[in-house]
Amino acid sequence: MRIAVTGKLGQVVTALIERGSAAGHDVVALGRPEIDLADPASVARALESTAPDVVVSAAAYTAVDKAESEADLAHAVNGAGACAVARSAKALGVPVIHLSTDYVFDGKLDRPYRESDPTGPTGVYGASKLAGEQAVLKEHGGNAAILRVAWVYSPFGTNFVKTMLRLAGDRDEVSVVADQVGNPTSALDIADGILLVAANLVASDDPALRGMFHMTARGEASWADFAEAIFAASASIGGPFATVRRITTADYPTPATRPANSRLDGTRIAAVHGVSLPDWQGALTTVVTRLNEGSA
């Protein structure tokens, strides 16, 4: 497959290039200056010149707290930008896979969220991503798969795992929120899932393969649980580690409100696309090992 993916430096984009190339696919990453999501004409030109079999809409405004003071920019990129990508894919007659987030929910359910559950973002970032979902479905819903992912980490870019390992190099104890729960998910596994979904969409016009899907690793953890697992994995191979001091969300106020429950139910994507991502703990060991070996 020839896969055009928006963005150049993001965790999922980098992982998709690595995994896609290893699987024999031609992955073309499109970012500035080729594509500016605030400029629909640039999106259309870049995708047309790429001539892809499928488009992955991965580029996004992801500064969750900063979005509270940059609402217009967040909506321009995550809403209008996503719409422009979907419109261009439709014009080319190819499917689009759009990445979204657990932040479209308010986090108040006492179980993992299903695709059919009502949305209710608590901040600008989540609202802008929800607007992007709606725009993609309206523009190209007949040939689009929206994949909601969560708590993404990898050997690349900036993420929670890399932050914890850096902090462990400077201190013996790290304070981490213990009352927010989710599914830590490796971008490498997300990339593998995207490749499977893309192959299915290219091979079949079946409407069941389109629509909304939740795609996260198996298992759940609080941020504090996640941190403890990171340090345990690192310590086991002689890397930096620290003690975790469990705190509450109230102890660590942020401009944007985070969902207390970010768990996503991946039953549908497993049944429809045959995608079941590995357990988060095993995937974490792989990433921590790569980081400590300096291979990323």
C-alpha atoms as a PDB file:
ATOM      1  CA  MET A   1       0.000   0.000   0.000  1.00  0.00           C
ATOM      2  CA  ARG A   2       0.957   3.593  -0.528  1.00  0.00           C
ATOM      3  CA  ILE A   3      -0.034   5.408   2.654  1.00  0.00           C
ATOM      4  CA  ALA A   4      -0.098   9.191   2.999  1.00  0.00           C
ATOM      5  CA  VAL A   5       0.005  10.297   6.634  1.00  0.00           C
ATOM      6  CA  THR A   6      -0.365  13.886   7.821  1.00  0.00           C
ATOM      7  CA  GLY A   7       2.378  15.030  10.138  1.00  0.00           C
ATOM      8  CA  LYS A   8       6.105  14.345  10.229  1.00  0.00           C
ATOM      9  CA  LEU A   9       7.292  14.338  13.831  1.00  0.00           C
ATOM     10  CA  GLY A  10       4.446  12.870  15.868  1.00  0.00           C
ATOM     11  CA  GLN A  11       4.745   9.611  17.773  1.00  0.00           C
ATOM     12  CA  VAL A  12       2.224   7.725  15.663  1.00  0.00           C
ATOM     13  CA  VAL A  13       3.605   9.098  12.391  1.00  0.00           C
ATOM     14  CA  THR A  14       7.148   8.067  13.313  1.00  0.00           C
ATOM     15  CA  ALA A  15       5.949   4.638  14.417  1.00  0.00           C
ATOM     16  CA  LEU A  16       3.890   4.236  11.249  1.00  0.00           C
ATOM     17  CA  ILE A  17       6.907   4.995   9.078  1.00  0.00           C
ATOM     18  CA  GLU A  18       8.944   2.402  10.980  1.00  0.00           C
ATOM     19  CA  ARG A  19       6.300  -0.327  11.069  1.00  0.00           C
ATOM     20  CA  GLY A  20       4.900   0.375   7.617  1.00  0.00           C
ATOM     21  CA  SER A  21       8.285   0.329   5.941  1.00  0.00           C
ATOM     22  CA  ALA A  22       9.190  -2.913   7.729  1.00  0.00           C
ATOM     23  CA  ALA A  23       5.977  -4.461   6.373  1.00  0.00           C
ATOM     24  CA  GLY A  24       6.798  -3.396   2.809  1.00  0.00           C
ATOM     25  CA  HIS A  25       4.436  -0.434   2.560  1.00  0.00           C
ATOM     26  CA  ASP A  26       5.291   2.965   1.108  1.00  0.00           C
ATOM     27  CA  VAL A  27       4.551   5.465   3.886  1.00  0.00           C
ATOM     28  CA  VAL A  28       4.741   9.136   2.888  1.00  0.00           C
ATOM     29  CA  ALA A  29       4.725  11.600   5.788  1.00  0.00           C
ATOM     30  CA  LEU A  30       3.359  15.029   4.875  1.00  0.00           C
ATOM     31  CA  GLY A  31       3.920  18.032   7.104  1.00  0.00           C
ATOM     32  CA  ARG A  32       5.013  21.605   6.757  1.00  0.00           C
ATOM     33  CA  PRO A  33       5.831  23.060   4.305  1.00  0.00           C
ATOM     34  CA  GLU A  34       3.944  20.594   2.077  1.00  0.00           C
ATOM     35  CA  ILE A  35       0.840  20.629   4.263  1.00  0.00           C
ATOM     36  CA  ASP A  36      -0.582  23.311   6.516  1.00  0.00           C
ATOM     37  CA  LEU A  37      -3.811  22.049   8.075  1.00  0.00           C
ATOM     38  CA  ALA A  38      -5.027  25.631   8.304  1.00  0.00           C
ATOM     39  CA  ASP A  39      -4.696  25.873   4.488  1.00  0.00           C
ATOM     40  CA  PRO A  40      -7.090  23.396   2.774  1.00  0.00           C
ATOM     41  CA  ALA A  41      -5.570  24.083  -0.647  1.00  0.00           C
ATOM     42  CA  SER A  42      -2.165  22.864   0.548  1.00  0.00           C
ATOM     43  CA  VAL A  43      -3.760  19.697   1.902  1.00  0.00           C
ATOM     44  CA  ALA A  44      -5.441  18.947  -1.428  1.00  0.00           C
ATOM     45  CA  ARG A  45      -2.259  19.613  -3.434  1.00  0.00           C
ATOM     46  CA  ALA A  46      -0.022  17.471  -1.238  1.00  0.00           C
ATOM     47  CA  LEU A  47      -2.372  14.497  -1.104  1.00  0.00           C
ATOM     48  CA  GLU A  48      -3.081  14.619  -4.820  1.00  0.00           C
ATOM     49  CA  SER A  49       0.616  14.628  -5.646  1.00  0.00           C
ATOM     50  CA  THR A  50       1.190  11.677  -3.308  1.00  0.00           C
ATOM     51  CA  ALA A  51      -1.479   9.520  -5.016  1.00  0.00           C
ATOM     52  CA  PRO A  52      -2.080   7.298  -1.962  1.00  0.00           C
ATOM     53  CA  ASP A  53      -4.172   4.163  -1.588  1.00  0.00           C
ATOM     54  CA  VAL A  54      -5.252   5.371   1.856  1.00  0.00           C
ATOM     55  CA  VAL A  55      -4.842   8.547   3.917  1.00  0.00           C
ATOM     56  CA  VAL A  56      -4.046   8.547   7.639  1.00  0.00           C
ATOM     57  CA  SER A  57      -5.072  11.785   9.333  1.00  0.00           C
ATOM     58  CA  ALA A  58      -2.640  11.882  12.256  1.00  0.00           C
ATOM     59  CA  ALA A  59      -1.449  15.500  12.512  1.00  0.00           C
ATOM     60  CA  ALA A  60      -3.130  17.408  15.324  1.00  0.00           C
ATOM     61  CA  TYR A  61      -2.870  20.184  17.865  1.00  0.00           C
ATOM     62  CA  THR A  62      -2.092  18.181  21.020  1.00  0.00           C
ATOM     63  CA  ALA A  63      -1.102  20.765  23.651  1.00  0.00           C
ATOM     64  CA  VAL A  64      -3.974  19.940  26.012  1.00  0.00           C
ATOM     65  CA  ASP A  65      -3.405  22.714  28.547  1.00  0.00           C
ATOM     66  CA  LYS A  66      -2.252  25.361  26.064  1.00  0.00           C
ATOM     67  CA  ALA A  67      -5.411  24.757  24.047  1.00  0.00           C
ATOM     68  CA  GLU A  68      -7.405  26.418  26.821  1.00  0.00           C
ATOM     69  CA  SER A  69      -5.861  29.747  25.763  1.00  0.00           C
ATOM     70  CA  GLU A  70      -5.538  28.907  22.041  1.00  0.00           C
ATOM     71  CA  ALA A  71      -9.026  27.660  21.263  1.00  0.00           C
ATOM     72  CA  ASP A  72      -9.159  29.142  17.772  1.00  0.00           C
ATOM     73  CA  LEU A  73      -5.904  27.484  16.739  1.00  0.00           C
ATOM     74  CA  ALA A  74      -6.893  24.132  18.260  1.00  0.00           C
ATOM     75  CA  HIS A  75     -10.198  24.137  16.382  1.00  0.00           C
ATOM     76  CA  ALA A  76      -8.562  25.310  13.150  1.00  0.00           C
ATOM     77  CA  VAL A  77      -6.145  22.371  13.186  1.00  0.00           C
ATOM     78  CA  ASN A  78      -8.200  19.624  14.835  1.00  0.00           C
ATOM     79  CA  GLY A  79     -11.568  20.576  13.367  1.00  0.00           C
ATOM     80  CA  ALA A  80     -11.191  22.389  10.055  1.00  0.00           C
ATOM     81  CA  GLY A  81      -7.865  20.700   9.328  1.00  0.00           C
ATOM     82  CA  ALA A  82      -9.306  17.228   9.802  1.00  0.00           C
ATOM     83  CA  CYS A  83     -12.188  18.217   7.531  1.00  0.00           C
ATOM     84  CA  ALA A  84      -9.767  19.333   4.815  1.00  0.00           C
ATOM     85  CA  VAL A  85      -7.914  16.004   4.946  1.00  0.00           C
ATOM     86  CA  ALA A  86     -11.169  14.036   4.706  1.00  0.00           C
ATOM     87  CA  ARG A  87     -12.401  16.199   1.825  1.00  0.00           C
ATOM     88  CA  SER A  88      -9.166  15.647  -0.075  1.00  0.00           C
ATOM     89  CA  ALA A  89      -9.296  11.885   0.488  1.00  0.00           C
ATOM     90  CA  LYS A  90     -12.865  11.866  -0.798  1.00  0.00           C
ATOM     91  CA  ALA A  91     -11.823  13.784  -3.912  1.00  0.00           C
ATOM     92  CA  LEU A  92      -9.156  11.149  -4.556  1.00  0.00           C
ATOM     93  CA  GLY A  93     -11.625   8.321  -3.973  1.00  0.00           C
ATOM     94  CA  VAL A  94      -9.587   6.721  -1.190  1.00  0.00           C
ATOM     95  CA  PRO A  95     -10.398   5.867   2.433  1.00  0.00           C
ATOM     96  CA  VAL A  96      -9.284   8.019   5.346  1.00  0.00           C
ATOM     97  CA  ILE A  97      -8.267   6.826   8.800  1.00  0.00           C
ATOM     98  CA  HIS A  98      -8.628   9.638  11.324  1.00  0.00           C
ATOM     99  CA  LEU A  99      -7.025   9.474  14.772  1.00  0.00           C
ATOM    100  CA  SER A 100      -8.962  10.834  17.708  1.00  0.00           C
ATOM    101  CA  THR A 101      -8.818  10.658  21.495  1.00  0.00           C
ATOM    102  CA  ASP A 102     -10.349   9.591  24.796  1.00  0.00           C
ATOM    103  CA  TYR A 103     -10.670  13.298  25.639  1.00  0.00           C
ATOM    104  CA  VAL A 104     -13.965  13.440  23.723  1.00  0.00           C
ATOM    105  CA  PHE A 105     -15.520  11.890  26.874  1.00  0.00           C
ATOM    106  CA  ASP A 106     -16.051  13.484  30.283  1.00  0.00           C
ATOM    107  CA  GLY A 107     -14.584  10.516  32.170  1.00  0.00           C
ATOM    108  CA  LYS A 108     -17.527  10.009  34.517  1.00  0.00           C
ATOM    109  CA  LEU A 109     -18.533   6.462  33.513  1.00  0.00           C
ATOM    110  CA  ASP A 110     -17.602   3.570  35.799  1.00  0.00           C
ATOM    111  CA  ARG A 111     -16.632   1.298  32.897  1.00  0.00           C
ATOM    112  CA  PRO A 112     -14.595   1.535  29.690  1.00  0.00           C
ATOM    113  CA  TYR A 113     -16.202   3.768  27.076  1.00  0.00           C
ATOM    114  CA  ARG A 114     -17.850   2.213  24.038  1.00  0.00           C
ATOM    115  CA  GLU A 115     -18.217   3.896  20.654  1.00  0.00           C
ATOM    116  CA  SER A 116     -21.951   4.362  21.269  1.00  0.00           C
ATOM    117  CA  ASP A 117     -21.532   6.250  24.543  1.00  0.00           C
ATOM    118  CA  PRO A 118     -22.406   9.967  24.582  1.00  0.00           C
ATOM    119  CA  THR A 119     -19.452  12.320  24.206  1.00  0.00           C
ATOM    120  CA  GLY A 120     -18.867  15.269  26.515  1.00  0.00           C
ATOM    121  CA  PRO A 121     -15.410  16.841  26.356  1.00  0.00           C
ATOM    122  CA  THR A 122     -14.357  18.863  29.390  1.00  0.00           C
ATOM    123  CA  GLY A 123     -11.805  21.091  27.659  1.00  0.00           C
ATOM    124  CA  VAL A 124     -10.932  22.828  24.415  1.00  0.00           C
ATOM    125  CA  TYR A 125      -8.638  20.052  23.169  1.00  0.00           C
ATOM    126  CA  GLY A 126     -11.319  17.393  23.529  1.00  0.00           C
ATOM    127  CA  ALA A 127     -13.940  19.676  21.983  1.00  0.00           C
ATOM    128  CA  SER A 128     -11.691  20.383  19.001  1.00  0.00           C
ATOM    129  CA  LYS A 129     -11.012  16.681  18.452  1.00  0.00           C
ATOM    130  CA  LEU A 130     -14.731  15.937  18.671  1.00  0.00           C
ATOM    131  CA  ALA A 131     -15.336  18.627  16.054  1.00  0.00           C
ATOM    132  CA  GLY A 132     -12.777  16.875  13.862  1.00  0.00           C
ATOM    133  CA  GLU A 133     -14.543  13.542  14.227  1.00  0.00           C
ATOM    134  CA  GLN A 134     -17.851  15.092  13.267  1.00  0.00           C
ATOM    135  CA  ALA A 135     -16.321  16.889  10.283  1.00  0.00           C
ATOM    136  CA  VAL A 136     -14.688  13.718   8.970  1.00  0.00           C
ATOM    137  CA  LEU A 137     -17.923  11.742   9.240  1.00  0.00           C
ATOM    138  CA  LYS A 138     -19.912  14.505   7.576  1.00  0.00           C
ATOM    139  CA  GLU A 139     -17.374  14.998   4.766  1.00  0.00           C
ATOM    140  CA  HIS A 140     -16.323  11.420   4.024  1.00  0.00           C
ATOM    141  CA  GLY A 141     -18.252   9.189   6.415  1.00  0.00           C
ATOM    142  CA  GLY A 142     -18.945   6.550   3.795  1.00  0.00           C
ATOM    143  CA  ASN A 143     -15.236   5.735   3.528  1.00  0.00           C
ATOM    144  CA  ALA A 144     -13.727   6.770   6.850  1.00  0.00           C
ATOM    145  CA  ALA A 145     -12.598   4.925   9.976  1.00  0.00           C
ATOM    146  CA  ILE A 146     -12.092   7.009  13.100  1.00  0.00           C
ATOM    147  CA  LEU A 147      -9.734   5.425  15.628  1.00  0.00           C
ATOM    148  CA  ARG A 148      -9.841   6.788  19.156  1.00  0.00           C
ATOM    149  CA  VAL A 149      -6.563   6.133  20.956  1.00  0.00           C
ATOM    150  CA  ALA A 150      -5.350   7.083  24.428  1.00  0.00           C
ATOM    151  CA  TRP A 151      -2.329   7.557  26.678  1.00  0.00           C
ATOM    152  CA  VAL A 152       0.097   7.234  23.778  1.00  0.00           C
ATOM    153  CA  TYR A 153       3.792   6.643  24.438  1.00  0.00           C
ATOM    154  CA  SER A 154       6.729   5.474  22.337  1.00  0.00           C
ATOM    155  CA  PRO A 155      10.497   5.725  21.896  1.00  0.00           C
ATOM    156  CA  PHE A 156       9.858   8.931  19.931  1.00  0.00           C
ATOM    157  CA  GLY A 157       8.970  12.533  20.675  1.00  0.00           C
ATOM    158  CA  THR A 158       7.673  13.739  24.034  1.00  0.00           C
ATOM    159  CA  ASN A 159       5.571  11.445  26.204  1.00  0.00           C
ATOM    160  CA  PHE A 160       4.933  10.234  29.745  1.00  0.00           C
ATOM    161  CA  VAL A 161       7.430   7.375  29.636  1.00  0.00           C
ATOM    162  CA  LYS A 162      10.288   9.588  28.518  1.00  0.00           C
ATOM    163  CA  THR A 163       9.336  12.223  31.095  1.00  0.00           C
ATOM    164  CA  MET A 164       9.335   9.685  33.941  1.00  0.00           C
ATOM    165  CA  LEU A 165      12.728   8.286  32.941  1.00  0.00           C
ATOM    166  CA  ARG A 166      14.156  11.798  32.721  1.00  0.00           C
ATOM    167  CA  LEU A 167      12.805  12.717  36.152  1.00  0.00           C
ATOM    168  CA  ALA A 168      14.181   9.502  37.631  1.00  0.00           C
ATOM    169  CA  GLY A 169      17.613  10.640  36.570  1.00  0.00           C
ATOM    170  CA  ASP A 170      17.276  13.741  38.750  1.00  0.00           C
ATOM    171  CA  ARG A 171      15.357  12.622  41.837  1.00  0.00           C
ATOM    172  CA  ASP A 172      14.539   9.658  44.047  1.00  0.00           C
ATOM    173  CA  GLU A 173      10.785  10.303  44.274  1.00  0.00           C
ATOM    174  CA  VAL A 174       8.245  11.445  41.698  1.00  0.00           C
ATOM    175  CA  SER A 175       4.679  12.565  42.479  1.00  0.00           C
ATOM    176  CA  VAL A 176       2.134  11.072  40.079  1.00  0.00           C
ATOM    177  CA  VAL A 177      -1.651  11.300  39.891  1.00  0.00           C
ATOM    178  CA  ALA A 178      -3.350   8.075  41.035  1.00  0.00           C
ATOM    179  CA  ASP A 179      -7.042   8.847  40.480  1.00  0.00           C
ATOM    180  CA  GLN A 180      -7.100   8.979  36.679  1.00  0.00           C
ATOM    181  CA  VAL A 181      -7.323   5.613  34.912  1.00  0.00           C
ATOM    182  CA  GLY A 182      -6.745   4.698  31.268  1.00  0.00           C
ATOM    183  CA  ASN A 183      -5.109   2.337  28.782  1.00  0.00           C
ATOM    184  CA  PRO A 184      -1.412   3.129  28.218  1.00  0.00           C
ATOM    185  CA  THR A 185      -0.834   2.396  24.530  1.00  0.00           C
ATOM    186  CA  SER A 186       2.391   2.155  22.551  1.00  0.00           C
ATOM    187  CA  ALA A 187       2.453   4.125  19.293  1.00  0.00           C
ATOM    188  CA  LEU A 188       4.236   1.135  17.755  1.00  0.00           C
ATOM    189  CA  ASP A 189       1.162  -1.011  18.444  1.00  0.00           C
ATOM    190  CA  ILE A 190      -1.132   1.763  17.228  1.00  0.00           C
ATOM    191  CA  ALA A 191       0.824   1.802  13.967  1.00  0.00           C
ATOM    192  CA  ASP A 192       0.369  -1.945  13.576  1.00  0.00           C
ATOM    193  CA  GLY A 193      -3.356  -1.510  14.165  1.00  0.00           C
ATOM    194  CA  ILE A 194      -3.582   1.285  11.610  1.00  0.00           C
ATOM    195  CA  LEU A 195      -1.879  -0.895   9.003  1.00  0.00           C
ATOM    196  CA  LEU A 196      -4.417  -3.675   9.543  1.00  0.00           C
ATOM    197  CA  VAL A 197      -7.356  -1.271   9.336  1.00  0.00           C
ATOM    198  CA  ALA A 198      -5.887   0.359   6.218  1.00  0.00           C
ATOM    199  CA  ALA A 199      -5.485  -3.001   4.473  1.00  0.00           C
ATOM    200  CA  ASN A 200      -9.098  -3.887   5.294  1.00  0.00           C
ATOM    201  CA  LEU A 201     -10.427  -0.582   3.977  1.00  0.00           C
ATOM    202  CA  VAL A 202      -8.449  -0.815   0.756  1.00  0.00           C
ATOM    203  CA  ALA A 203      -9.505  -4.411   0.164  1.00  0.00           C
ATOM    204  CA  SER A 204     -13.219  -4.057   0.850  1.00  0.00           C
ATOM    205  CA  ASP A 205     -16.055  -1.564   0.458  1.00  0.00           C
ATOM    206  CA  ASP A 206     -17.944  -3.160   3.362  1.00  0.00           C
ATOM    207  CA  PRO A 207     -19.657  -0.334   5.323  1.00  0.00           C
ATOM    208  CA  ALA A 208     -19.106  -2.279   8.556  1.00  0.00           C
ATOM    209  CA  LEU A 209     -15.386  -1.534   8.285  1.00  0.00           C
ATOM    210  CA  ARG A 210     -16.102   2.191   8.403  1.00  0.00           C
ATOM    211  CA  GLY A 211     -17.205   4.375  11.294  1.00  0.00           C
ATOM    212  CA  MET A 212     -16.031   4.796  14.893  1.00  0.00           C
ATOM    213  CA  PHE A 213     -13.612   2.466  16.670  1.00  0.00           C
ATOM    214  CA  HIS A 214     -11.725   2.440  19.962  1.00  0.00           C
ATOM    215  CA  MET A 215      -8.160   1.124  19.698  1.00  0.00           C
ATOM    216  CA  THR A 216      -6.040   0.879  22.829  1.00  0.00           C
ATOM    217  CA  ALA A 217      -3.791  -1.667  24.495  1.00  0.00           C
ATOM    218  CA  ARG A 218      -5.310  -4.355  26.691  1.00  0.00           C
ATOM    219  CA  GLY A 219      -5.319  -3.699  30.429  1.00  0.00           C
ATOM    220  CA  GLU A 220      -5.653  -0.523  32.439  1.00  0.00           C
ATOM    221  CA  ALA A 221      -3.665   1.569  34.891  1.00  0.00           C
ATOM    222  CA  SER A 222      -3.632   4.842  36.740  1.00  0.00           C
ATOM    223  CA  TRP A 223      -0.872   7.292  35.904  1.00  0.00           C
ATOM    224  CA  ALA A 224       0.806   6.258  39.168  1.00  0.00           C
ATOM    225  CA  ASP A 225       0.527   2.566  38.230  1.00  0.00           C
ATOM    226  CA  PHE A 226       1.975   3.407  34.832  1.00  0.00           C
ATOM    227  CA  ALA A 227       4.897   5.268  36.411  1.00  0.00           C
ATOM    228  CA  GLU A 228       5.664   2.394  38.766  1.00  0.00           C
ATOM    229  CA  ALA A 229       5.690  -0.028  35.831  1.00  0.00           C
ATOM    230  CA  ILE A 230       8.016   2.285  33.886  1.00  0.00           C
ATOM    231  CA  PHE A 231      10.485   2.421  36.776  1.00  0.00           C
ATOM    232  CA  ALA A 232      10.288  -1.337  37.356  1.00  0.00           C
ATOM    233  CA  ALA A 233      10.991  -2.039  33.684  1.00  0.00           C
ATOM    234  CA  SER A 234      13.876   0.428  33.670  1.00  0.00           C
ATOM    235  CA  ALA A 235      15.386  -0.855  36.912  1.00  0.00           C
ATOM    236  CA  SER A 236      15.309  -4.426  35.595  1.00  0.00           C
ATOM    237  CA  ILE A 237      17.758  -3.488  32.849  1.00  0.00           C
ATOM    238  CA  GLY A 238      19.917  -1.152  34.921  1.00  0.00           C
ATOM    239  CA  GLY A 239      18.198   2.072  33.919  1.00  0.00           C
ATOM    240  CA  PRO A 240      17.009   5.005  36.049  1.00  0.00           C
ATOM    241  CA  PHE A 241      14.156   4.504  38.497  1.00  0.00           C
ATOM    242  CA  ALA A 242      12.423   6.306  41.355  1.00  0.00           C
ATOM    243  CA  THR A 243       9.775   5.828  44.019  1.00  0.00           C
ATOM    244  CA  VAL A 244       6.273   6.966  43.086  1.00  0.00           C
ATOM    245  CA  ARG A 245       4.391   9.213  45.485  1.00  0.00           C
ATOM    246  CA  ARG A 246       0.684   8.828  44.734  1.00  0.00           C
ATOM    247  CA  ILE A 247      -1.265  12.080  44.628  1.00  0.00           C
ATOM    248  CA  THR A 248      -4.762  13.153  43.580  1.00  0.00           C
ATOM    249  CA  THR A 249      -5.840  15.240  40.633  1.00  0.00           C
ATOM    250  CA  ALA A 250      -6.632  18.023  43.101  1.00  0.00           C
ATOM    251  CA  ASP A 251      -2.998  17.966  44.229  1.00  0.00           C
ATOM    252  CA  TYR A 252      -1.843  18.673  40.661  1.00  0.00           C
ATOM    253  CA  PRO A 253      -4.134  21.325  39.129  1.00  0.00           C
ATOM    254  CA  THR A 254      -3.873  21.952  35.384  1.00  0.00           C
ATOM    255  CA  PRO A 255      -5.565  24.482  33.061  1.00  0.00           C
ATOM    256  CA  ALA A 256      -7.488  21.671  31.313  1.00  0.00           C
ATOM    257  CA  THR A 257      -9.594  19.127  33.175  1.00  0.00           C
ATOM    258  CA  ARG A 258      -8.537  15.538  32.498  1.00  0.00           C
ATOM    259  CA  PRO A 259     -11.065  12.677  32.387  1.00  0.00           C
ATOM    260  CA  ALA A 260     -10.916  10.552  35.537  1.00  0.00           C
ATOM    261  CA  ASN A 261     -11.797   7.538  33.413  1.00  0.00           C
ATOM    262  CA  SER A 262     -10.079   7.358  30.018  1.00  0.00           C
ATOM    263  CA  ARG A 263     -10.577   3.622  29.490  1.00  0.00           C
ATOM    264  CA  LEU A 264     -11.770   2.677  26.003  1.00  0.00           C
ATOM    265  CA  ASP A 265     -13.485  -0.591  25.106  1.00  0.00           C
ATOM    266  CA  GLY A 266     -11.788  -2.214  22.101  1.00  0.00           C
ATOM    267  CA  THR A 267     -14.347  -4.980  21.552  1.00  0.00           C
ATOM    268  CA  ARG A 268     -15.723  -3.539  18.304  1.00  0.00           C
ATOM    269  CA  ILE A 269     -12.440  -3.093  16.447  1.00  0.00           C
ATOM    270  CA  ALA A 270     -11.391  -6.616  17.446  1.00  0.00           C
ATOM    271  CA  ALA A 271     -14.624  -8.068  16.077  1.00  0.00           C
ATOM    272  CA  VAL A 272     -14.801  -5.982  12.901  1.00  0.00           C
ATOM    273  CA  HIS A 273     -11.168  -5.460  11.898  1.00  0.00           C
ATOM    274  CA  GLY A 274      -9.423  -8.256  13.768  1.00  0.00           C
ATOM    275  CA  VAL A 275      -7.317  -5.701  15.637  1.00  0.00           C
ATOM    276  CA  SER A 276      -6.433  -6.535  19.241  1.00  0.00           C
ATOM    277  CA  LEU A 277      -3.472  -4.609  20.572  1.00  0.00           C
ATOM    278  CA  PRO A 278      -1.109  -6.338  23.043  1.00  0.00           C
ATOM    279  CA  ASP A 279      -1.170  -5.882  26.800  1.00  0.00           C
ATOM    280  CA  TRP A 280       0.253  -2.503  27.770  1.00  0.00           C
ATOM    281  CA  GLN A 281       2.819  -3.904  30.190  1.00  0.00           C
ATOM    282  CA  GLY A 282       4.599  -6.054  27.618  1.00  0.00           C
ATOM    283  CA  ALA A 283       4.588  -3.205  25.109  1.00  0.00           C
ATOM    284  CA  LEU A 284       5.996  -0.883  27.778  1.00  0.00           C
ATOM    285  CA  THR A 285       8.958  -3.177  28.369  1.00  0.00           C
ATOM    286  CA  THR A 286       9.812  -2.991  24.667  1.00  0.00           C
ATOM    287  CA  VAL A 287       9.740   0.817  24.650  1.00  0.00           C
ATOM    288  CA  VAL A 288      11.695   1.236  27.895  1.00  0.00           C
ATOM    289  CA  THR A 289      14.339  -1.160  26.634  1.00  0.00           C
ATOM    290  CA  ARG A 290      14.731   0.803  23.414  1.00  0.00           C
ATOM    291  CA  LEU A 291      14.993   4.069  25.299  1.00  0.00           C
ATOM    292  CA  ASN A 292      17.594   2.766  27.738  1.00  0.00           C
ATOM    293  CA  GLU A 293      19.594   1.274  24.875  1.00  0.00           C
ATOM    294  CA  GLY A 294      19.513   4.630  23.119  1.00  0.00           C
ATOM    295  CA  SER A 295      18.168   3.066  19.939  1.00  0.00           C
ATOM    296  CA  ALA A 296      15.402   5.638  19.434  1.00  0.00           C
END
